[in-house]
Amino acid sequence: MTKTEVELTELGDRVRKLERQNHRWQFATLFLLFVVASSLATGLVAQERIEPPLMRAKTVEAQSFLLKDADGNIRGRMNLRGDRPTFELYDKSGKVVWSAPTKPELIPAL
């Protein structure tokens, strides 16, 4: 063998070795990418399953309670008028569609 043939053989061996290393790095990169993507996906799924903590109370005190729709319009109200409790439900335009007590002379039972 001549010196040129030996150099070409060594060069070919070095190229094959570099290609094998390159394939290993490509595999390692794809594996790492898969692990990161699956971790992110698992985190997102777990985040959707987490429910906000439920606040429990034995007593709630207020002078008025409002029921609002998604647009912020008042659809119901429970409050005191004078010394009498009232409960009213409203339609989309804000008109009372139901109220309790229906007559002012009715006094709710205690």
PDB file of N, CA and C in Angstrom:
ATOM      1  N   MET A   1       0.809  -1.166   0.000  1.00  0.00           N
ATOM      2  CA  MET A   1       0.000   0.000   0.000  1.00  0.00           C
ATOM      3  C   MET A   1       0.870   1.253   0.000  1.00  0.00           C
ATOM      4  N   THR A   2       0.340   2.194  -0.679  1.00  0.00           N
ATOM      5  CA  THR A   2       1.086   3.442  -0.737  1.00  0.00           C
ATOM      6  C   THR A   2       0.632   4.348   0.398  1.00  0.00           C
ATOM      7  N   LYS A   3       1.394   5.410   0.555  1.00  0.00           N
ATOM      8  CA  LYS A   3       1.092   6.351   1.627  1.00  0.00           C
ATOM      9  C   LYS A   3      -0.267   7.006   1.421  1.00  0.00           C
ATOM     10  N   THR A   4      -0.674   7.278   0.210  1.00  0.00           N
ATOM     11  CA  THR A   4      -1.950   7.902  -0.094  1.00  0.00           C
ATOM     12  C   THR A   4      -3.095   6.959   0.258  1.00  0.00           C
ATOM     13  N   GLU A   5      -2.932   5.660  -0.050  1.00  0.00           N
ATOM     14  CA  GLU A   5      -3.971   4.680   0.250  1.00  0.00           C
ATOM     15  C   GLU A   5      -4.139   4.523   1.756  1.00  0.00           C
ATOM     16  N   VAL A   6      -3.045   4.572   2.498  1.00  0.00           N
ATOM     17  CA  VAL A   6      -3.097   4.462   3.951  1.00  0.00           C
ATOM     18  C   VAL A   6      -3.814   5.689   4.529  1.00  0.00           C
ATOM     19  N   GLU A   7      -3.494   6.864   4.011  1.00  0.00           N
ATOM     20  CA  GLU A   7      -4.141   8.074   4.501  1.00  0.00           C
ATOM     21  C   GLU A   7      -5.637   8.072   4.202  1.00  0.00           C
ATOM     22  N   LEU A   8      -6.015   7.569   3.015  1.00  0.00           N
ATOM     23  CA  LEU A   8      -7.440   7.491   2.671  1.00  0.00           C
ATOM     24  C   LEU A   8      -8.158   6.475   3.557  1.00  0.00           C
ATOM     25  N   THR A   9      -7.519   5.372   3.884  1.00  0.00           N
ATOM     26  CA  THR A   9      -8.113   4.356   4.754  1.00  0.00           C
ATOM     27  C   THR A   9      -8.307   4.930   6.157  1.00  0.00           C
ATOM     28  N   GLU A  10      -7.278   5.627   6.662  1.00  0.00           N
ATOM     29  CA  GLU A  10      -7.398   6.252   7.981  1.00  0.00           C
ATOM     30  C   GLU A  10      -8.473   7.330   7.978  1.00  0.00           C
ATOM     31  N   LEU A  11      -8.510   8.106   6.902  1.00  0.00           N
ATOM     32  CA  LEU A  11      -9.524   9.149   6.787  1.00  0.00           C
ATOM     33  C   LEU A  11     -10.925   8.545   6.756  1.00  0.00           C
ATOM     34  N   GLY A  12     -11.108   7.448   6.029  1.00  0.00           N
ATOM     35  CA  GLY A  12     -12.408   6.766   5.978  1.00  0.00           C
ATOM     36  C   GLY A  12     -12.808   6.236   7.347  1.00  0.00           C
ATOM     37  N   ASP A  13     -11.829   5.665   8.095  1.00  0.00           N
ATOM     38  CA  ASP A  13     -12.105   5.161   9.442  1.00  0.00           C
ATOM     39  C   ASP A  13     -12.527   6.292  10.378  1.00  0.00           C
ATOM     40  N   ARG A  14     -11.841   7.430  10.269  1.00  0.00           N
ATOM     41  CA  ARG A  14     -12.166   8.586  11.112  1.00  0.00           C
ATOM     42  C   ARG A  14     -13.557   9.124  10.782  1.00  0.00           C
ATOM     43  N   VAL A  15     -13.918   9.158   9.502  1.00  0.00           N
ATOM     44  CA  VAL A  15     -15.241   9.640   9.099  1.00  0.00           C
ATOM     45  C   VAL A  15     -16.322   8.708   9.643  1.00  0.00           C
ATOM     46  N   ARG A  16     -16.120   7.373   9.545  1.00  0.00           N
ATOM     47  CA  ARG A  16     -17.104   6.420  10.067  1.00  0.00           C
ATOM     48  C   ARG A  16     -17.265   6.582  11.583  1.00  0.00           C
ATOM     49  N   LYS A  17     -16.136   6.790  12.274  1.00  0.00           N
ATOM     50  CA  LYS A  17     -16.188   6.988  13.720  1.00  0.00           C
ATOM     51  C   LYS A  17     -16.963   8.264  14.066  1.00  0.00           C
ATOM     52  N   LEU A  18     -16.709   9.336  13.347  1.00  0.00           N
ATOM     53  CA  LEU A  18     -17.430  10.593  13.577  1.00  0.00           C
ATOM     54  C   LEU A  18     -18.919  10.441  13.275  1.00  0.00           C
ATOM     55  N   GLU A  19     -19.253   9.685  12.230  1.00  0.00           N
ATOM     56  CA  GLU A  19     -20.667   9.471  11.902  1.00  0.00           C
ATOM     57  C   GLU A  19     -21.374   8.693  13.008  1.00  0.00           C
ATOM     58  N   ARG A  20     -20.689   7.680  13.581  1.00  0.00           N
ATOM     59  CA  ARG A  20     -21.285   6.931  14.698  1.00  0.00           C
ATOM     60  C   ARG A  20     -21.508   7.844  15.895  1.00  0.00           C
ATOM     61  N   GLN A  21     -20.534   8.716  16.199  1.00  0.00           N
ATOM     62  CA  GLN A  21     -20.684   9.661  17.300  1.00  0.00           C
ATOM     63  C   GLN A  21     -21.837  10.637  17.033  1.00  0.00           C
ATOM     64  N   ASN A  22     -21.918  11.079  15.792  1.00  0.00           N
ATOM     65  CA  ASN A  22     -22.995  11.996  15.408  1.00  0.00           C
ATOM     66  C   ASN A  22     -24.360  11.338  15.605  1.00  0.00           C
ATOM     67  N   HIS A  23     -24.492  10.080  15.225  1.00  0.00           N
ATOM     68  CA  HIS A  23     -25.763   9.357  15.414  1.00  0.00           C
ATOM     69  C   HIS A  23     -26.093   9.222  16.896  1.00  0.00           C
ATOM     70  N   ARG A  24     -25.082   8.976  17.739  1.00  0.00           N
ATOM     71  CA  ARG A  24     -25.329   8.885  19.179  1.00  0.00           C
ATOM     72  C   ARG A  24     -25.839  10.220  19.728  1.00  0.00           C
ATOM     73  N   TRP A  25     -25.204  11.320  19.297  1.00  0.00           N
ATOM     74  CA  TRP A  25     -25.637  12.636  19.760  1.00  0.00           C
ATOM     75  C   TRP A  25     -27.049  12.950  19.278  1.00  0.00           C
ATOM     76  N   GLN A  26     -27.358  12.576  18.037  1.00  0.00           N
ATOM     77  CA  GLN A  26     -28.711  12.798  17.527  1.00  0.00           C
ATOM     78  C   GLN A  26     -29.734  12.011  18.348  1.00  0.00           C
ATOM     79  N   PHE A  27     -29.415  10.756  18.647  1.00  0.00           N
ATOM     80  CA  PHE A  27     -30.315   9.933  19.450  1.00  0.00           C
ATOM     81  C   PHE A  27     -30.483  10.535  20.848  1.00  0.00           C
ATOM     82  N   ALA A  28     -29.378  10.948  21.469  1.00  0.00           N
ATOM     83  CA  ALA A  28     -29.443  11.527  22.804  1.00  0.00           C
ATOM     84  C   ALA A  28     -30.266  12.823  22.795  1.00  0.00           C
ATOM     85  N   THR A  29     -30.113  13.632  21.767  1.00  0.00           N
ATOM     86  CA  THR A  29     -30.864  14.876  21.667  1.00  0.00           C
ATOM     87  C   THR A  29     -32.354  14.597  21.504  1.00  0.00           C
ATOM     88  N   LEU A  30     -32.697  13.657  20.636  1.00  0.00           N
ATOM     89  CA  LEU A  30     -34.117  13.309  20.454  1.00  0.00           C
ATOM     90  C   LEU A  30     -34.713  12.719  21.723  1.00  0.00           C
ATOM     91  N   PHE A  31     -33.950  11.890  22.423  1.00  0.00           N
ATOM     92  CA  PHE A  31     -34.432  11.306  23.672  1.00  0.00           C
ATOM     93  C   PHE A  31     -34.666  12.394  24.708  1.00  0.00           C
ATOM     94  N   LEU A  32     -33.728  13.330  24.833  1.00  0.00           N
ATOM     95  CA  LEU A  32     -33.878  14.428  25.782  1.00  0.00           C
ATOM     96  C   LEU A  32     -35.079  15.304  25.417  1.00  0.00           C
ATOM     97  N   LEU A  33     -35.263  15.568  24.141  1.00  0.00           N
ATOM     98  CA  LEU A  33     -36.411  16.345  23.683  1.00  0.00           C
ATOM     99  C   LEU A  33     -37.718  15.636  24.030  1.00  0.00           C
ATOM    100  N   PHE A  34     -37.754  14.327  23.846  1.00  0.00           N
ATOM    101  CA  PHE A  34     -38.938  13.538  24.191  1.00  0.00           C
ATOM    102  C   PHE A  34     -39.225  13.615  25.689  1.00  0.00           C
ATOM    103  N   VAL A  35     -38.203  13.507  26.518  1.00  0.00           N
ATOM    104  CA  VAL A  35     -38.379  13.553  27.967  1.00  0.00           C
ATOM    105  C   VAL A  35     -38.916  14.922  28.390  1.00  0.00           C
ATOM    106  N   VAL A  36     -38.353  15.997  27.844  1.00  0.00           N
ATOM    107  CA  VAL A  36     -38.809  17.349  28.195  1.00  0.00           C
ATOM    108  C   VAL A  36     -40.250  17.563  27.739  1.00  0.00           C
ATOM    109  N   ALA A  37     -40.575  17.145  26.514  1.00  0.00           N
ATOM    110  CA  ALA A  37     -41.935  17.324  26.002  1.00  0.00           C
ATOM    111  C   ALA A  37     -42.944  16.526  26.821  1.00  0.00           C
ATOM    112  N   SER A  38     -42.609  15.290  27.170  1.00  0.00           N
ATOM    113  CA  SER A  38     -43.547  14.490  27.958  1.00  0.00           C
ATOM    114  C   SER A  38     -43.699  15.053  29.368  1.00  0.00           C
ATOM    115  N   SER A  39     -42.631  15.609  29.937  1.00  0.00           N
ATOM    116  CA  SER A  39     -42.735  16.233  31.261  1.00  0.00           C
ATOM    117  C   SER A  39     -43.649  17.449  31.211  1.00  0.00           C
ATOM    118  N   LEU A  40     -43.502  18.270  30.181  1.00  0.00           N
ATOM    119  CA  LEU A  40     -44.368  19.436  30.035  1.00  0.00           C
ATOM    120  C   LEU A  40     -45.824  19.023  29.842  1.00  0.00           C
ATOM    121  N   ALA A  41     -46.050  18.017  29.019  1.00  0.00           N
ATOM    122  CA  ALA A  41     -47.423  17.560  28.783  1.00  0.00           C
ATOM    123  C   ALA A  41     -48.035  17.003  30.061  1.00  0.00           C
ATOM    124  N   THR A  42     -47.259  16.244  30.811  1.00  0.00           N
ATOM    125  CA  THR A  42     -47.761  15.691  32.071  1.00  0.00           C
ATOM    126  C   THR A  42     -48.085  16.808  33.052  1.00  0.00           C
ATOM    127  N   GLY A  43     -47.239  17.821  33.101  1.00  0.00           N
ATOM    128  CA  GLY A  43     -47.487  18.956  33.990  1.00  0.00           C
ATOM    129  C   GLY A  43     -48.747  19.712  33.611  1.00  0.00           C
ATOM    130  N   LEU A  44     -48.977  19.896  32.315  1.00  0.00           N
ATOM    131  CA  LEU A  44     -50.182  20.601  31.875  1.00  0.00           C
ATOM    132  C   LEU A  44     -51.436  19.812  32.203  1.00  0.00           C
ATOM    133  N   VAL A  45     -51.378  18.492  32.001  1.00  0.00           N
ATOM    134  CA  VAL A  45     -52.541  17.659  32.303  1.00  0.00           C
ATOM    135  C   VAL A  45     -52.818  17.680  33.802  1.00  0.00           C
ATOM    136  N   ALA A  46     -51.763  17.588  34.597  1.00  0.00           N
ATOM    137  CA  ALA A  46     -51.945  17.606  36.051  1.00  0.00           C
ATOM    138  C   ALA A  46     -52.486  18.949  36.510  1.00  0.00           C
ATOM    139  N   GLN A  47     -52.056  20.027  35.883  1.00  0.00           N
ATOM    140  CA  GLN A  47     -52.525  21.359  36.261  1.00  0.00           C
ATOM    141  C   GLN A  47     -54.016  21.513  35.983  1.00  0.00           C
ATOM    142  N   GLU A  48     -54.510  20.903  34.913  1.00  0.00           N
ATOM    143  CA  GLU A  48     -55.939  20.978  34.599  1.00  0.00           C
ATOM    144  C   GLU A  48     -56.771  20.205  35.609  1.00  0.00           C
ATOM    145  N   ARG A  49     -56.193  19.166  36.196  1.00  0.00           N
ATOM    146  CA  ARG A  49     -56.940  18.330  37.137  1.00  0.00           C
ATOM    147  C   ARG A  49     -57.003  18.922  38.537  1.00  0.00           C
ATOM    148  N   ILE A  50     -56.122  19.853  38.836  1.00  0.00           N
ATOM    149  CA  ILE A  50     -56.094  20.436  40.172  1.00  0.00           C
ATOM    150  C   ILE A  50     -57.311  21.339  40.334  1.00  0.00           C
ATOM    151  N   GLU A  51     -58.088  21.065  41.348  1.00  0.00           N
ATOM    152  CA  GLU A  51     -59.268  21.872  41.623  1.00  0.00           C
ATOM    153  C   GLU A  51     -58.900  22.946  42.644  1.00  0.00           C
ATOM    154  N   PRO A  52     -59.460  24.114  42.497  1.00  0.00           N
ATOM    155  CA  PRO A  52     -59.167  25.147  43.500  1.00  0.00           C
ATOM    156  C   PRO A  52     -59.703  24.714  44.858  1.00  0.00           C
ATOM    157  N   PRO A  53     -59.042  25.130  45.918  1.00  0.00           N
ATOM    158  CA  PRO A  53     -59.518  24.726  47.250  1.00  0.00           C
ATOM    159  C   PRO A  53     -60.910  25.280  47.517  1.00  0.00           C
ATOM    160  N   LEU A  54     -61.730  24.459  48.108  1.00  0.00           N
ATOM    161  CA  LEU A  54     -63.099  24.846  48.428  1.00  0.00           C
ATOM    162  C   LEU A  54     -63.112  25.537  49.788  1.00  0.00           C
ATOM    163  N   MET A  55     -63.673  26.724  49.815  1.00  0.00           N
ATOM    164  CA  MET A  55     -63.741  27.466  51.059  1.00  0.00           C
ATOM    165  C   MET A  55     -65.017  27.065  51.793  1.00  0.00           C
ATOM    166  N   ARG A  56     -64.857  26.585  52.990  1.00  0.00           N
ATOM    167  CA  ARG A  56     -66.004  26.183  53.794  1.00  0.00           C
ATOM    168  C   ARG A  56     -66.113  27.128  54.984  1.00  0.00           C
ATOM    169  N   ALA A  57     -67.335  27.529  55.264  1.00  0.00           N
ATOM    170  CA  ALA A  57     -67.565  28.421  56.394  1.00  0.00           C
ATOM    171  C   ALA A  57     -68.816  27.969  57.124  1.00  0.00           C
ATOM    172  N   LYS A  58     -68.802  28.120  58.410  1.00  0.00           N
ATOM    173  CA  LYS A  58     -69.987  27.779  59.191  1.00  0.00           C
ATOM    174  C   LYS A  58     -70.979  28.930  59.201  1.00  0.00           C
ATOM    175  N   THR A  59     -70.477  30.154  59.123  1.00  0.00           N
ATOM    176  CA  THR A  59     -71.341  31.331  59.153  1.00  0.00           C
ATOM    177  C   THR A  59     -70.848  32.352  58.141  1.00  0.00           C
ATOM    178  N   VAL A  60     -71.782  32.895  57.370  1.00  0.00           N
ATOM    179  CA  VAL A  60     -71.487  33.989  56.447  1.00  0.00           C
ATOM    180  C   VAL A  60     -72.423  35.131  56.801  1.00  0.00           C
ATOM    181  N   GLU A  61     -71.860  36.299  57.022  1.00  0.00           N
ATOM    182  CA  GLU A  61     -72.680  37.452  57.386  1.00  0.00           C
ATOM    183  C   GLU A  61     -72.534  38.540  56.349  1.00  0.00           C
ATOM    184  N   ALA A  62     -73.674  39.113  55.961  1.00  0.00           N
ATOM    185  CA  ALA A  62     -73.671  40.231  55.018  1.00  0.00           C
ATOM    186  C   ALA A  62     -75.012  40.937  55.099  1.00  0.00           C
ATOM    187  N   GLN A  63     -75.051  42.162  54.629  1.00  0.00           N
ATOM    188  CA  GLN A  63     -76.311  42.891  54.584  1.00  0.00           C
ATOM    189  C   GLN A  63     -77.047  42.627  53.279  1.00  0.00           C
ATOM    190  N   SER A  64     -76.320  42.144  52.259  1.00  0.00           N
ATOM    191  CA  SER A  64     -76.938  41.897  50.968  1.00  0.00           C
ATOM    192  C   SER A  64     -76.138  40.830  50.229  1.00  0.00           C
ATOM    193  N   PHE A  65     -76.834  39.989  49.477  1.00  0.00           N
ATOM    194  CA  PHE A  65     -76.213  39.001  48.613  1.00  0.00           C
ATOM    195  C   PHE A  65     -76.698  39.249  47.189  1.00  0.00           C
ATOM    196  N   LEU A  66     -75.759  39.298  46.228  1.00  0.00           N
ATOM    197  CA  LEU A  66     -76.106  39.528  44.826  1.00  0.00           C
ATOM    198  C   LEU A  66     -75.746  38.305  43.999  1.00  0.00           C
ATOM    199  N   LEU A  67     -76.609  37.994  43.033  1.00  0.00           N
ATOM    200  CA  LEU A  67     -76.353  36.941  42.069  1.00  0.00           C
ATOM    201  C   LEU A  67     -76.163  37.607  40.711  1.00  0.00           C
ATOM    202  N   LYS A  68     -74.960  37.453  40.119  1.00  0.00           N
ATOM    203  CA  LYS A  68     -74.660  38.115  38.843  1.00  0.00           C
ATOM    204  C   LYS A  68     -74.387  37.076  37.765  1.00  0.00           C
ATOM    205  N   ASP A  69     -74.756  37.434  36.503  1.00  0.00           N
ATOM    206  CA  ASP A  69     -74.457  36.549  35.376  1.00  0.00           C
ATOM    207  C   ASP A  69     -73.031  36.812  34.889  1.00  0.00           C
ATOM    208  N   ALA A  70     -72.640  36.140  33.820  1.00  0.00           N
ATOM    209  CA  ALA A  70     -71.280  36.250  33.293  1.00  0.00           C
ATOM    210  C   ALA A  70     -70.954  37.657  32.809  1.00  0.00           C
ATOM    211  N   ASP A  71     -71.957  38.414  32.415  1.00  0.00           N
ATOM    212  CA  ASP A  71     -71.738  39.790  31.941  1.00  0.00           C
ATOM    213  C   ASP A  71     -71.706  40.811  33.074  1.00  0.00           C
ATOM    214  N   GLY A  72     -71.966  40.380  34.298  1.00  0.00           N
ATOM    215  CA  GLY A  72     -71.944  41.287  35.433  1.00  0.00           C
ATOM    216  C   GLY A  72     -73.293  41.892  35.766  1.00  0.00           C
ATOM    217  N   ASN A  73     -74.338  41.461  35.075  1.00  0.00           N
ATOM    218  CA  ASN A  73     -75.687  41.971  35.358  1.00  0.00           C
ATOM    219  C   ASN A  73     -76.256  41.274  36.591  1.00  0.00           C
ATOM    220  N   ILE A  74     -76.926  42.040  37.445  1.00  0.00           N
ATOM    221  CA  ILE A  74     -77.531  41.457  38.644  1.00  0.00           C
ATOM    222  C   ILE A  74     -78.759  40.660  38.229  1.00  0.00           C
ATOM    223  N   ARG A  75     -78.786  39.370  38.610  1.00  0.00           N
ATOM    224  CA  ARG A  75     -79.910  38.500  38.264  1.00  0.00           C
ATOM    225  C   ARG A  75     -80.696  38.068  39.490  1.00  0.00           C
ATOM    226  N   GLY A  76     -80.155  38.320  40.687  1.00  0.00           N
ATOM    227  CA  GLY A  76     -80.860  37.991  41.918  1.00  0.00           C
ATOM    228  C   GLY A  76     -80.291  38.804  43.066  1.00  0.00           C
ATOM    229  N   ARG A  77     -81.145  39.019  44.089  1.00  0.00           N
ATOM    230  CA  ARG A  77     -80.712  39.814  45.239  1.00  0.00           C
ATOM    231  C   ARG A  77     -81.446  39.299  46.471  1.00  0.00           C
ATOM    232  N   MET A  78     -80.704  39.178  47.559  1.00  0.00           N
ATOM    233  CA  MET A  78     -81.286  38.835  48.850  1.00  0.00           C
ATOM    234  C   MET A  78     -80.776  39.887  49.828  1.00  0.00           C
ATOM    235  N   ASN A  79     -81.705  40.615  50.424  1.00  0.00           N
ATOM    236  CA  ASN A  79     -81.303  41.684  51.336  1.00  0.00           C
ATOM    237  C   ASN A  79     -82.421  41.988  52.310  1.00  0.00           C
ATOM    238  N   LEU A  80     -82.233  43.025  53.104  1.00  0.00           N
ATOM    239  CA  LEU A  80     -83.246  43.472  54.057  1.00  0.00           C
ATOM    240  C   LEU A  80     -83.837  44.789  53.592  1.00  0.00           C
ATOM    241  N   ARG A  81     -85.148  44.894  53.667  1.00  0.00           N
ATOM    242  CA  ARG A  81     -85.844  46.160  53.433  1.00  0.00           C
ATOM    243  C   ARG A  81     -86.509  46.518  54.751  1.00  0.00           C
ATOM    244  N   GLY A  82     -85.924  47.507  55.372  1.00  0.00           N
ATOM    245  CA  GLY A  82     -86.393  47.818  56.723  1.00  0.00           C
ATOM    246  C   GLY A  82     -85.941  46.704  57.646  1.00  0.00           C
ATOM    247  N   ASP A  83     -86.911  46.022  58.250  1.00  0.00           N
ATOM    248  CA  ASP A  83     -86.585  44.891  59.117  1.00  0.00           C
ATOM    249  C   ASP A  83     -87.051  43.564  58.512  1.00  0.00           C
ATOM    250  N   ARG A  84     -87.421  43.584  57.234  1.00  0.00           N
ATOM    251  CA  ARG A  84     -87.926  42.375  56.565  1.00  0.00           C
ATOM    252  C   ARG A  84     -86.955  41.864  55.503  1.00  0.00           C
ATOM    253  N   PRO A  85     -86.696  40.571  55.515  1.00  0.00           N
ATOM    254  CA  PRO A  85     -85.840  40.001  54.468  1.00  0.00           C
ATOM    255  C   PRO A  85     -86.607  39.875  53.152  1.00  0.00           C
ATOM    256  N   THR A  86     -85.926  40.131  52.044  1.00  0.00           N
ATOM    257  CA  THR A  86     -86.542  39.983  50.723  1.00  0.00           C
ATOM    258  C   THR A  86     -85.596  39.200  49.814  1.00  0.00           C
ATOM    259  N   PHE A  87     -86.199  38.556  48.831  1.00  0.00           N
ATOM    260  CA  PHE A  87     -85.444  37.806  47.839  1.00  0.00           C
ATOM    261  C   PHE A  87     -86.076  38.092  46.484  1.00  0.00           C
ATOM    262  N   GLU A  88     -85.279  38.576  45.521  1.00  0.00           N
ATOM    263  CA  GLU A  88     -85.808  38.941  44.202  1.00  0.00           C
ATOM    264  C   GLU A  88     -84.952  38.322  43.106  1.00  0.00           C
ATOM    265  N   LEU A  89     -85.618  37.901  42.026  1.00  0.00           N
ATOM    266  CA  LEU A  89     -84.929  37.402  40.830  1.00  0.00           C
ATOM    267  C   LEU A  89     -85.279  38.321  39.672  1.00  0.00           C
ATOM    268  N   TYR A  90     -84.302  38.628  38.839  1.00  0.00           N
ATOM    269  CA  TYR A  90     -84.478  39.573  37.736  1.00  0.00           C
ATOM    270  C   TYR A  90     -84.256  38.882  36.388  1.00  0.00           C
ATOM    271  N   ASP A  91     -84.903  39.437  35.334  1.00  0.00           N
ATOM    272  CA  ASP A  91     -84.663  38.934  33.979  1.00  0.00           C
ATOM    273  C   ASP A  91     -83.460  39.669  33.387  1.00  0.00           C
ATOM    274  N   LYS A  92     -83.196  39.425  32.092  1.00  0.00           N
ATOM    275  CA  LYS A  92     -82.021  40.031  31.436  1.00  0.00           C
ATOM    276  C   LYS A  92     -82.070  41.549  31.417  1.00  0.00           C
ATOM    277  N   SER A  93     -83.266  42.108  31.366  1.00  0.00           N
ATOM    278  CA  SER A  93     -83.390  43.563  31.302  1.00  0.00           C
ATOM    279  C   SER A  93     -83.358  44.214  32.689  1.00  0.00           C
ATOM    280  N   GLY A  94     -83.349  43.422  33.760  1.00  0.00           N
ATOM    281  CA  GLY A  94     -83.306  43.969  35.109  1.00  0.00           C
ATOM    282  C   GLY A  94     -84.668  44.086  35.765  1.00  0.00           C
ATOM    283  N   LYS A  95     -85.702  43.577  35.103  1.00  0.00           N
ATOM    284  CA  LYS A  95     -87.060  43.639  35.646  1.00  0.00           C
ATOM    285  C   LYS A  95     -87.262  42.467  36.620  1.00  0.00           C
ATOM    286  N   VAL A  96     -87.931  42.734  37.749  1.00  0.00           N
ATOM    287  CA  VAL A  96     -88.190  41.694  38.747  1.00  0.00           C
ATOM    288  C   VAL A  96     -89.158  40.675  38.160  1.00  0.00           C
ATOM    289  N   VAL A  97     -88.776  39.409  38.147  1.00  0.00           N
ATOM    290  CA  VAL A  97     -89.649  38.348  37.653  1.00  0.00           C
ATOM    291  C   VAL A  97     -90.215  37.509  38.797  1.00  0.00           C
ATOM    292  N   TRP A  98     -89.583  37.572  39.947  1.00  0.00           N
ATOM    293  CA  TRP A  98     -90.080  36.842  41.111  1.00  0.00           C
ATOM    294  C   TRP A  98     -89.514  37.480  42.361  1.00  0.00           C
ATOM    295  N   SER A  99     -90.335  37.565  43.402  1.00  0.00           N
ATOM    296  CA  SER A  99     -89.841  38.102  44.667  1.00  0.00           C
ATOM    297  C   SER A  99     -90.546  37.402  45.818  1.00  0.00           C
ATOM    298  N   ALA A 100     -89.894  37.408  46.948  1.00  0.00           N
ATOM    299  CA  ALA A 100     -90.470  36.828  48.156  1.00  0.00           C
ATOM    300  C   ALA A 100     -90.143  37.751  49.315  1.00  0.00           C
ATOM    301  N   PRO A 101     -91.017  38.044  50.186  1.00  0.00           N
ATOM    302  CA  PRO A 101     -92.432  37.707  50.152  1.00  0.00           C
ATOM    303  C   PRO A 101     -93.148  38.488  49.059  1.00  0.00           C
ATOM    304  N   THR A 102     -94.215  37.909  48.541  1.00  0.00           N
ATOM    305  CA  THR A 102     -94.935  38.529  47.437  1.00  0.00           C
ATOM    306  C   THR A 102     -95.766  39.724  47.883  1.00  0.00           C
ATOM    307  N   LYS A 103     -96.225  39.721  49.104  1.00  0.00           N
ATOM    308  CA  LYS A 103     -97.031  40.839  49.616  1.00  0.00           C
ATOM    309  C   LYS A 103     -96.334  41.423  50.837  1.00  0.00           C
ATOM    310  N   PRO A 104     -96.332  42.730  50.961  1.00  0.00           N
ATOM    311  CA  PRO A 104     -95.638  43.351  52.095  1.00  0.00           C
ATOM    312  C   PRO A 104     -96.200  42.960  53.457  1.00  0.00           C
ATOM    313  N   GLU A 105     -97.487  42.589  53.501  1.00  0.00           N
ATOM    314  CA  GLU A 105     -98.064  42.251  54.806  1.00  0.00           C
ATOM    315  C   GLU A 105     -97.677  40.850  55.281  1.00  0.00           C
ATOM    316  N   LEU A 106     -97.131  40.032  54.363  1.00  0.00           N
ATOM    317  CA  LEU A 106     -96.696  38.697  54.782  1.00  0.00           C
ATOM    318  C   LEU A 106     -95.383  38.800  55.528  1.00  0.00           C
ATOM    319  N   ILE A 107     -95.337  38.122  56.627  1.00  0.00           N
ATOM    320  CA  ILE A 107     -94.118  38.115  57.449  1.00  0.00           C
ATOM    321  C   ILE A 107     -93.556  36.697  57.395  1.00  0.00           C
ATOM    322  N   PRO A 108     -92.306  36.537  57.012  1.00  0.00           N
ATOM    323  CA  PRO A 108     -91.728  35.199  56.953  1.00  0.00           C
ATOM    324  C   PRO A 108     -91.686  34.547  58.326  1.00  0.00           C
ATOM    325  N   ALA A 109     -91.882  33.239  58.329  1.00  0.00           N
ATOM    326  CA  ALA A 109     -91.838  32.477  59.581  1.00  0.00           C
ATOM    327  C   ALA A 109     -90.391  32.384  60.054  1.00  0.00           C
ATOM    328  N   LEU A 110     -90.231  32.423  61.358  1.00  0.00           N
ATOM    329  CA  LEU A 110     -88.892  32.336  61.938  1.00  0.00           C
ATOM    330  C   LEU A 110     -88.568  30.969  62.390  1.00  0.00           C
TER     331      LEU A 110
END
